[in-house]
PDB file of N, CA and C in Angstrom:
ATOM      1  N   MET A   1      -5.403 -16.174   2.959  1.00  0.00           N
ATOM      2  CA  MET A   1      -5.182 -17.012   4.163  1.00  0.00           C
ATOM      3  C   MET A   1      -4.380 -16.596   5.043  1.00  0.00           C
ATOM      4  N   SER A   2      -4.604 -16.275   6.209  1.00  0.00           N
ATOM      5  CA  SER A   2      -3.626 -15.494   7.230  1.00  0.00           C
ATOM      6  C   SER A   2      -3.652 -16.822   8.506  1.00  0.00           C
ATOM      7  N   ARG A   3      -2.337 -16.735   8.813  1.00  0.00           N
ATOM      8  CA  ARG A   3      -2.412 -17.585   9.983  1.00  0.00           C
ATOM      9  C   ARG A   3      -1.360 -16.929  11.048  1.00  0.00           C
ATOM     10  N   LEU A   4      -1.064 -17.360  12.312  1.00  0.00           N
ATOM     11  CA  LEU A   4      -0.653 -16.681  13.179  1.00  0.00           C
ATOM     12  C   LEU A   4       1.025 -17.537  13.248  1.00  0.00           C
ATOM     13  N   GLY A   5       1.822 -16.885  13.727  1.00  0.00           N
ATOM     14  CA  GLY A   5       3.490 -17.644  13.202  1.00  0.00           C
ATOM     15  C   GLY A   5       3.548 -19.278  13.758  1.00  0.00           C
ATOM     16  N   ARG A   6       3.119 -19.009  15.326  1.00  0.00           N
ATOM     17  CA  ARG A   6       3.211 -20.883  15.749  1.00  0.00           C
ATOM     18  C   ARG A   6       2.088 -21.901  15.316  1.00  0.00           C
ATOM     19  N   PHE A   7       0.900 -21.180  14.919  1.00  0.00           N
ATOM     20  CA  PHE A   7      -0.141 -21.633  14.240  1.00  0.00           C
ATOM     21  C   PHE A   7      -0.742 -21.657  12.717  1.00  0.00           C
ATOM     22  N   GLU A   8       0.524 -21.783  12.294  1.00  0.00           N
ATOM     23  CA  GLU A   8       0.441 -21.579  10.709  1.00  0.00           C
ATOM     24  C   GLU A   8      -0.405 -22.714   9.990  1.00  0.00           C
ATOM     25  N   HIS A   9       0.172 -23.688  10.911  1.00  0.00           N
ATOM     26  CA  HIS A   9      -1.066 -25.016  10.401  1.00  0.00           C
ATOM     27  C   HIS A   9      -2.923 -25.478  10.660  1.00  0.00           C
ATOM     28  N   TYR A  10      -2.926 -24.069  11.480  1.00  0.00           N
ATOM     29  CA  TYR A  10      -4.413 -24.460  12.092  1.00  0.00           C
ATOM     30  C   TYR A  10      -5.459 -23.270  11.848  1.00  0.00           C
ATOM     31  N   ARG A  11      -6.352 -23.560  11.294  1.00  0.00           N
ATOM     32  CA  ARG A  11      -7.573 -22.958  11.183  1.00  0.00           C
ATOM     33  C   ARG A  11      -8.210 -22.263  12.296  1.00  0.00           C
ATOM     34  N   TYR A  12      -8.402 -22.822  13.261  1.00  0.00           N
ATOM     35  CA  TYR A  12      -9.326 -22.475  14.259  1.00  0.00           C
ATOM     36  C   TYR A  12      -7.915 -22.384  15.761  1.00  0.00           C
ATOM     37  N   ILE A  13      -8.143 -21.305  16.041  1.00  0.00           N
ATOM     38  CA  ILE A  13      -7.340 -21.055  17.288  1.00  0.00           C
ATOM     39  C   ILE A  13      -8.555 -20.470  18.284  1.00  0.00           C
ATOM     40  N   GLY A  14      -8.194 -20.857  20.099  1.00  0.00           N
ATOM     41  CA  GLY A  14      -9.208 -20.513  20.877  1.00  0.00           C
ATOM     42  C   GLY A  14      -8.148 -20.038  21.724  1.00  0.00           C
ATOM     43  N   ALA A  15      -8.617 -18.361  22.297  1.00  0.00           N
ATOM     44  CA  ALA A  15      -8.256 -17.873  23.267  1.00  0.00           C
ATOM     45  C   ALA A  15      -8.796 -18.292  24.861  1.00  0.00           C
ATOM     46  N   ARG A  16      -7.718 -18.882  25.502  1.00  0.00           N
ATOM     47  CA  ARG A  16      -8.342 -19.367  26.292  1.00  0.00           C
ATOM     48  C   ARG A  16      -8.648 -18.168  27.890  1.00  0.00           C
ATOM     49  N   ASP A  17      -8.399 -17.201  27.654  1.00  0.00           N
ATOM     50  CA  ASP A  17      -8.815 -16.081  28.550  1.00  0.00           C
ATOM     51  C   ASP A  17     -10.346 -16.046  28.465  1.00  0.00           C
ATOM     52  N   THR A  18     -10.796 -15.741  27.119  1.00  0.00           N
ATOM     53  CA  THR A  18     -12.844 -15.614  26.903  1.00  0.00           C
ATOM     54  C   THR A  18     -13.001 -16.881  26.438  1.00  0.00           C
ATOM     55  N   MET A  19     -12.494 -18.112  26.262  1.00  0.00           N
ATOM     56  CA  MET A  19     -12.831 -19.057  25.677  1.00  0.00           C
ATOM     57  C   MET A  19     -13.513 -19.413  24.393  1.00  0.00           C
ATOM     58  N   THR A  20     -13.185 -18.330  23.470  1.00  0.00           N
ATOM     59  CA  THR A  20     -13.596 -18.361  22.459  1.00  0.00           C
ATOM     60  C   THR A  20     -12.777 -18.728  21.514  1.00  0.00           C
ATOM     61  N   PHE A  21     -13.392 -18.849  20.049  1.00  0.00           N
ATOM     62  CA  PHE A  21     -12.514 -19.617  19.105  1.00  0.00           C
ATOM     63  C   PHE A  21     -12.272 -18.421  17.790  1.00  0.00           C
ATOM     64  N   TYR A  22     -11.471 -18.462  17.587  1.00  0.00           N
ATOM     65  CA  TYR A  22     -11.478 -17.995  15.969  1.00  0.00           C
ATOM     66  C   TYR A  22     -10.857 -18.342  15.193  1.00  0.00           C
ATOM     67  N   ASP A  23     -11.774 -18.295  13.529  1.00  0.00           N
ATOM     68  CA  ASP A  23     -11.513 -18.841  12.549  1.00  0.00           C
ATOM     69  C   ASP A  23     -10.605 -18.124  11.519  1.00  0.00           C
ATOM     70  N   CYS A  24      -9.551 -18.471  11.611  1.00  0.00           N
ATOM     71  CA  CYS A  24      -8.189 -17.652  10.723  1.00  0.00           C
ATOM     72  C   CYS A  24      -8.502 -17.601   9.177  1.00  0.00           C
ATOM     73  N   ASP A  25      -9.687 -18.208   8.520  1.00  0.00           N
ATOM     74  CA  ASP A  25      -9.631 -17.816   7.017  1.00  0.00           C
ATOM     75  C   ASP A  25     -10.947 -17.506   7.071  1.00  0.00           C
ATOM     76  N   ASP A  26     -11.658 -16.242   8.252  1.00  0.00           N
ATOM     77  CA  ASP A  26     -12.687 -15.249   8.411  1.00  0.00           C
ATOM     78  C   ASP A  26     -11.698 -14.130   8.626  1.00  0.00           C
ATOM     79  N   GLU A  27     -11.573 -13.093   7.699  1.00  0.00           N
ATOM     80  CA  GLU A  27     -10.589 -12.062   7.640  1.00  0.00           C
ATOM     81  C   GLU A  27     -10.875 -11.358   8.738  1.00  0.00           C
ATOM     82  N   PRO A  28     -12.071 -10.755   9.167  1.00  0.00           N
ATOM     83  CA  PRO A  28     -12.396 -10.102  10.291  1.00  0.00           C
ATOM     84  C   PRO A  28     -12.199 -10.835  11.432  1.00  0.00           C
ATOM     85  N   GLN A  29     -12.240 -12.014  11.902  1.00  0.00           N
ATOM     86  CA  GLN A  29     -11.884 -12.669  12.890  1.00  0.00           C
ATOM     87  C   GLN A  29     -10.618 -12.859  13.132  1.00  0.00           C
ATOM     88  N   PHE A  30      -9.971 -13.504  11.969  1.00  0.00           N
ATOM     89  CA  PHE A  30      -8.335 -13.249  12.028  1.00  0.00           C
ATOM     90  C   PHE A  30      -7.683 -11.897  12.547  1.00  0.00           C
ATOM     91  N   GLU A  31      -8.054 -10.522  11.913  1.00  0.00           N
ATOM     92  CA  GLU A  31      -7.700  -9.337  12.184  1.00  0.00           C
ATOM     93  C   GLU A  31      -7.782  -8.780  13.429  1.00  0.00           C
ATOM     94  N   GLU A  32      -9.185  -9.457  14.599  1.00  0.00           N
ATOM     95  CA  GLU A  32      -9.366  -9.248  15.632  1.00  0.00           C
ATOM     96  C   GLU A  32      -8.341 -10.342  16.400  1.00  0.00           C
ATOM     97  N   LEU A  33      -8.173 -11.460  15.588  1.00  0.00           N
ATOM     98  CA  LEU A  33      -7.244 -11.913  16.995  1.00  0.00           C
ATOM     99  C   LEU A  33      -5.832 -11.735  17.044  1.00  0.00           C
ATOM    100  N   ALA A  34      -5.240 -11.238  15.640  1.00  0.00           N
ATOM    101  CA  ALA A  34      -4.140 -10.995  15.371  1.00  0.00           C
ATOM    102  C   ALA A  34      -3.876  -9.605  16.579  1.00  0.00           C
ATOM    103  N   ALA A  35      -4.726  -8.733  16.492  1.00  0.00           N
ATOM    104  CA  ALA A  35      -4.705  -7.538  17.392  1.00  0.00           C
ATOM    105  C   ALA A  35      -4.809  -7.802  18.582  1.00  0.00           C
ATOM    106  N   ARG A  36      -5.746  -8.789  19.050  1.00  0.00           N
ATOM    107  CA  ARG A  36      -5.481  -9.396  20.373  1.00  0.00           C
ATOM    108  C   ARG A  36      -4.088  -9.727  20.958  1.00  0.00           C
ATOM    109  N   VAL A  37      -3.474 -10.474  19.908  1.00  0.00           N
ATOM    110  CA  VAL A  37      -2.336 -11.197  20.311  1.00  0.00           C
ATOM    111  C   VAL A  37      -1.186 -10.246  20.405  1.00  0.00           C
ATOM    112  N   GLU A  38      -1.219  -8.965  19.583  1.00  0.00           N
ATOM    113  CA  GLU A  38      -0.465  -8.050  19.408  1.00  0.00           C
ATOM    114  C   GLU A  38      -0.549  -7.056  20.739  1.00  0.00           C
ATOM    115  N   ASP A  39      -1.586  -6.761  20.855  1.00  0.00           N
ATOM    116  CA  ASP A  39      -2.183  -5.704  21.961  1.00  0.00           C
ATOM    117  C   ASP A  39      -2.107  -6.387  23.506  1.00  0.00           C
ATOM    118  N   GLU A  40      -2.585  -7.910  23.665  1.00  0.00           N
ATOM    119  CA  GLU A  40      -2.412  -8.539  24.861  1.00  0.00           C
ATOM    120  C   GLU A  40      -1.470  -9.307  25.107  1.00  0.00           C
ATOM    121  N   GLY A  41      -0.387  -9.600  24.488  1.00  0.00           N
ATOM    122  CA  GLY A  41       0.225 -10.275  24.461  1.00  0.00           C
ATOM    123  C   GLY A  41      -0.035 -12.034  24.573  1.00  0.00           C
ATOM    124  N   LEU A  42      -0.957 -12.303  24.096  1.00  0.00           N
ATOM    125  CA  LEU A  42      -1.500 -14.068  24.384  1.00  0.00           C
ATOM    126  C   LEU A  42      -0.726 -14.812  23.791  1.00  0.00           C
ATOM    127  N   LEU A  43       0.088 -15.041  23.203  1.00  0.00           N
ATOM    128  CA  LEU A  43       1.213 -15.835  22.770  1.00  0.00           C
ATOM    129  C   LEU A  43       2.082 -15.797  23.479  1.00  0.00           C
ATOM    130  N   GLY A  44       2.556 -15.018  24.327  1.00  0.00           N
ATOM    131  CA  GLY A  44       3.912 -14.882  25.359  1.00  0.00           C
ATOM    132  C   GLY A  44       3.083 -15.380  26.305  1.00  0.00           C
ATOM    133  N   ARG A  45       2.131 -15.000  26.772  1.00  0.00           N
ATOM    134  CA  ARG A  45       1.510 -15.459  28.209  1.00  0.00           C
ATOM    135  C   ARG A  45       0.632 -16.900  28.031  1.00  0.00           C
ATOM    136  N   ASN A  46       0.935 -17.535  26.836  1.00  0.00           N
ATOM    137  CA  ASN A  46       0.212 -19.313  26.799  1.00  0.00           C
ATOM    138  C   ASN A  46      -1.099 -19.172  26.708  1.00  0.00           C
ATOM    139  N   ARG A  47      -1.540 -17.950  26.022  1.00  0.00           N
ATOM    140  CA  ARG A  47      -3.048 -17.798  26.251  1.00  0.00           C
ATOM    141  C   ARG A  47      -3.953 -18.045  24.968  1.00  0.00           C
ATOM    142  N   LEU A  48      -3.010 -19.257  23.897  1.00  0.00           N
ATOM    143  CA  LEU A  48      -3.725 -19.192  22.904  1.00  0.00           C
ATOM    144  C   LEU A  48      -3.766 -20.837  22.509  1.00  0.00           C
ATOM    145  N   GLN A  49      -5.048 -21.488  22.222  1.00  0.00           N
ATOM    146  CA  GLN A  49      -4.957 -23.020  21.987  1.00  0.00           C
ATOM    147  C   GLN A  49      -5.229 -23.327  20.596  1.00  0.00           C
ATOM    148  N   ALA A  50      -4.819 -24.433  20.096  1.00  0.00           N
ATOM    149  CA  ALA A  50      -5.133 -25.107  18.909  1.00  0.00           C
ATOM    150  C   ALA A  50      -5.982 -26.505  18.921  1.00  0.00           C
ATOM    151  N   PHE A  51      -6.942 -26.934  18.214  1.00  0.00           N
ATOM    152  CA  PHE A  51      -7.434 -28.163  18.256  1.00  0.00           C
ATOM    153  C   PHE A  51      -7.232 -29.423  17.227  1.00  0.00           C
ATOM    154  N   ALA A  52      -7.272 -30.231  17.692  1.00  0.00           N
ATOM    155  CA  ALA A  52      -7.239 -31.418  16.986  1.00  0.00           C
ATOM    156  C   ALA A  52      -8.208 -32.570  17.406  1.00  0.00           C
ATOM    157  N   PRO A  53      -9.278 -32.908  15.952  1.00  0.00           N
ATOM    158  CA  PRO A  53      -9.046 -32.429  14.537  1.00  0.00           C
ATOM    159  C   PRO A  53      -9.318 -31.087  14.705  1.00  0.00           C
ATOM    160  N   ASP A  54      -8.972 -30.457  13.546  1.00  0.00           N
ATOM    161  CA  ASP A  54      -8.906 -28.866  13.459  1.00  0.00           C
ATOM    162  C   ASP A  54     -10.247 -28.475  13.124  1.00  0.00           C
ATOM    163  N   THR A  55     -10.891 -28.542  13.915  1.00  0.00           N
ATOM    164  CA  THR A  55     -13.028 -28.209  13.518  1.00  0.00           C
ATOM    165  C   THR A  55     -13.324 -27.252  14.192  1.00  0.00           C
ATOM    166  N   ALA A  56     -14.432 -26.529  14.216  1.00  0.00           N
ATOM    167  CA  ALA A  56     -15.210 -25.946  14.918  1.00  0.00           C
ATOM    168  C   ALA A  56     -15.720 -26.774  15.849  1.00  0.00           C
ATOM    169  N   GLU A  57     -16.270 -27.882  15.353  1.00  0.00           N
ATOM    170  CA  GLU A  57     -17.139 -28.279  16.318  1.00  0.00           C
ATOM    171  C   GLU A  57     -16.094 -29.185  17.652  1.00  0.00           C
ATOM    172  N   GLU A  58     -14.992 -29.488  17.198  1.00  0.00           N
ATOM    173  CA  GLU A  58     -13.864 -29.780  18.104  1.00  0.00           C
ATOM    174  C   GLU A  58     -13.511 -28.670  19.021  1.00  0.00           C
ATOM    175  N   ALA A  59     -13.862 -27.341  18.863  1.00  0.00           N
ATOM    176  CA  ALA A  59     -13.331 -26.629  19.210  1.00  0.00           C
ATOM    177  C   ALA A  59     -14.561 -26.282  20.280  1.00  0.00           C
ATOM    178  N   ALA A  60     -15.881 -26.299  20.046  1.00  0.00           N
ATOM    179  CA  ALA A  60     -16.949 -26.391  20.776  1.00  0.00           C
ATOM    180  C   ALA A  60     -16.999 -27.382  21.874  1.00  0.00           C
ATOM    181  N   ASN A  61     -16.710 -28.281  21.839  1.00  0.00           N
ATOM    182  CA  ASN A  61     -16.523 -29.930  22.382  1.00  0.00           C
ATOM    183  C   ASN A  61     -15.507 -29.183  23.509  1.00  0.00           C
ATOM    184  N   ARG A  62     -14.839 -28.506  23.591  1.00  0.00           N
ATOM    185  CA  ARG A  62     -13.703 -28.376  24.065  1.00  0.00           C
ATOM    186  C   ARG A  62     -14.367 -26.990  24.879  1.00  0.00           C
ATOM    187  N   GLY A  63     -15.595 -26.520  25.117  1.00  0.00           N
ATOM    188  CA  GLY A  63     -15.994 -25.566  25.491  1.00  0.00           C
ATOM    189  C   GLY A  63     -15.822 -24.275  25.505  1.00  0.00           C
ATOM    190  N   TYR A  64     -15.042 -24.102  24.174  1.00  0.00           N
ATOM    191  CA  TYR A  64     -15.245 -22.591  23.622  1.00  0.00           C
ATOM    192  C   TYR A  64     -16.247 -22.262  22.499  1.00  0.00           C
ATOM    193  N   ARG A  65     -16.669 -21.039  22.400  1.00  0.00           N
ATOM    194  CA  ARG A  65     -17.503 -20.639  21.231  1.00  0.00           C
ATOM    195  C   ARG A  65     -17.356 -19.788  20.631  1.00  0.00           C
ATOM    196  N   PRO A  66     -17.946 -19.820  19.630  1.00  0.00           N
ATOM    197  CA  PRO A  66     -17.009 -18.976  18.205  1.00  0.00           C
ATOM    198  C   PRO A  66     -17.122 -17.203  18.650  1.00  0.00           C
ATOM    199  N   ALA A  67     -16.092 -17.018  18.034  1.00  0.00           N
ATOM    200  CA  ALA A  67     -16.282 -15.222  18.277  1.00  0.00           C
ATOM    201  C   ALA A  67     -17.127 -14.487  17.684  1.00  0.00           C
ATOM    202  N   THR A  68     -16.984 -13.130  18.044  1.00  0.00           N
ATOM    203  CA  THR A  68     -18.111 -12.135  17.469  1.00  0.00           C
ATOM    204  C   THR A  68     -17.092 -10.967  17.281  1.00  0.00           C
ATOM    205  N   THR A  69     -16.995 -11.181  16.096  1.00  0.00           N
ATOM    206  CA  THR A  69     -16.190  -9.169  15.759  1.00  0.00           C
ATOM    207  C   THR A  69     -17.459  -8.408  16.052  1.00  0.00           C
ATOM    208  N   ARG A  70     -16.443  -7.291  16.014  1.00  0.00           N
ATOM    209  CA  ARG A  70     -17.063  -5.780  16.767  1.00  0.00           C
ATOM    210  C   ARG A  70     -17.934  -5.661  15.393  1.00  0.00           C
ATOM    211  N   ASN A  71     -17.667  -5.694  14.128  1.00  0.00           N
ATOM    212  CA  ASN A  71     -18.583  -5.578  12.986  1.00  0.00           C
ATOM    213  C   ASN A  71     -19.827  -6.180  13.135  1.00  0.00           C
ATOM    214  N   GLU A  72     -19.529  -7.351  13.875  1.00  0.00           N
ATOM    215  CA  GLU A  72     -20.716  -8.261  13.722  1.00  0.00           C
ATOM    216  C   GLU A  72     -21.711  -8.027  14.854  1.00  0.00           C
ATOM    217  N   ILE A  73     -21.300  -7.880  15.840  1.00  0.00           N
ATOM    218  CA  ILE A  73     -22.289  -6.797  17.034  1.00  0.00           C
ATOM    219  C   ILE A  73     -22.872  -5.412  16.614  1.00  0.00           C
ATOM    220  N   GLU A  74     -21.935  -4.801  16.009  1.00  0.00           N
ATOM    221  CA  GLU A  74     -22.433  -3.426  15.456  1.00  0.00           C
ATOM    222  C   GLU A  74     -23.662  -3.796  14.308  1.00  0.00           C
ATOM    223  N   ALA A  75     -23.332  -4.743  13.502  1.00  0.00           N
ATOM    224  CA  ALA A  75     -24.617  -4.831  12.706  1.00  0.00           C
ATOM    225  C   ALA A  75     -25.971  -5.548  13.317  1.00  0.00           C
ATOM    226  N   ASN A  76     -25.747  -6.391  14.314  1.00  0.00           N
ATOM    227  CA  ASN A  76     -26.892  -7.022  14.988  1.00  0.00           C
ATOM    228  C   ASN A  76     -27.002  -6.808  16.436  1.00  0.00           C
ATOM    229  N   PRO A  77     -27.058  -5.600  16.744  1.00  0.00           N
ATOM    230  CA  PRO A  77     -27.356  -4.901  18.204  1.00  0.00           C
ATOM    231  C   PRO A  77     -28.269  -5.626  19.034  1.00  0.00           C
ATOM    232  N   ALA A  78     -28.203  -5.993  20.169  1.00  0.00           N
ATOM    233  CA  ALA A  78     -29.251  -6.550  21.263  1.00  0.00           C
ATOM    234  C   ALA A  78     -30.589  -5.915  20.920  1.00  0.00           C
ATOM    235  N   ASP A  79     -31.592  -6.561  21.355  1.00  0.00           N
ATOM    236  CA  ASP A  79     -32.736  -6.086  21.432  1.00  0.00           C
ATOM    237  C   ASP A  79     -32.792  -5.127  23.047  1.00  0.00           C
TER     238      ASP A  79
END
């Protein structure tokens, strides 16, 4: 189970720039989030959001949509 440094107690983390949330218990989603944090400096730019309660439903209630990883997109191309 992986977590970001300042969000170690949260499973669902939202990216404010894209209004998507990531499930840190899903390894491909966490890897994508960690790469974005590193490459785009999301933490330093205050672009991450935790949710309370820490649920996917709460993230959706706040207008965030579930993240789709590159592997999921390649496995299910649009028609």
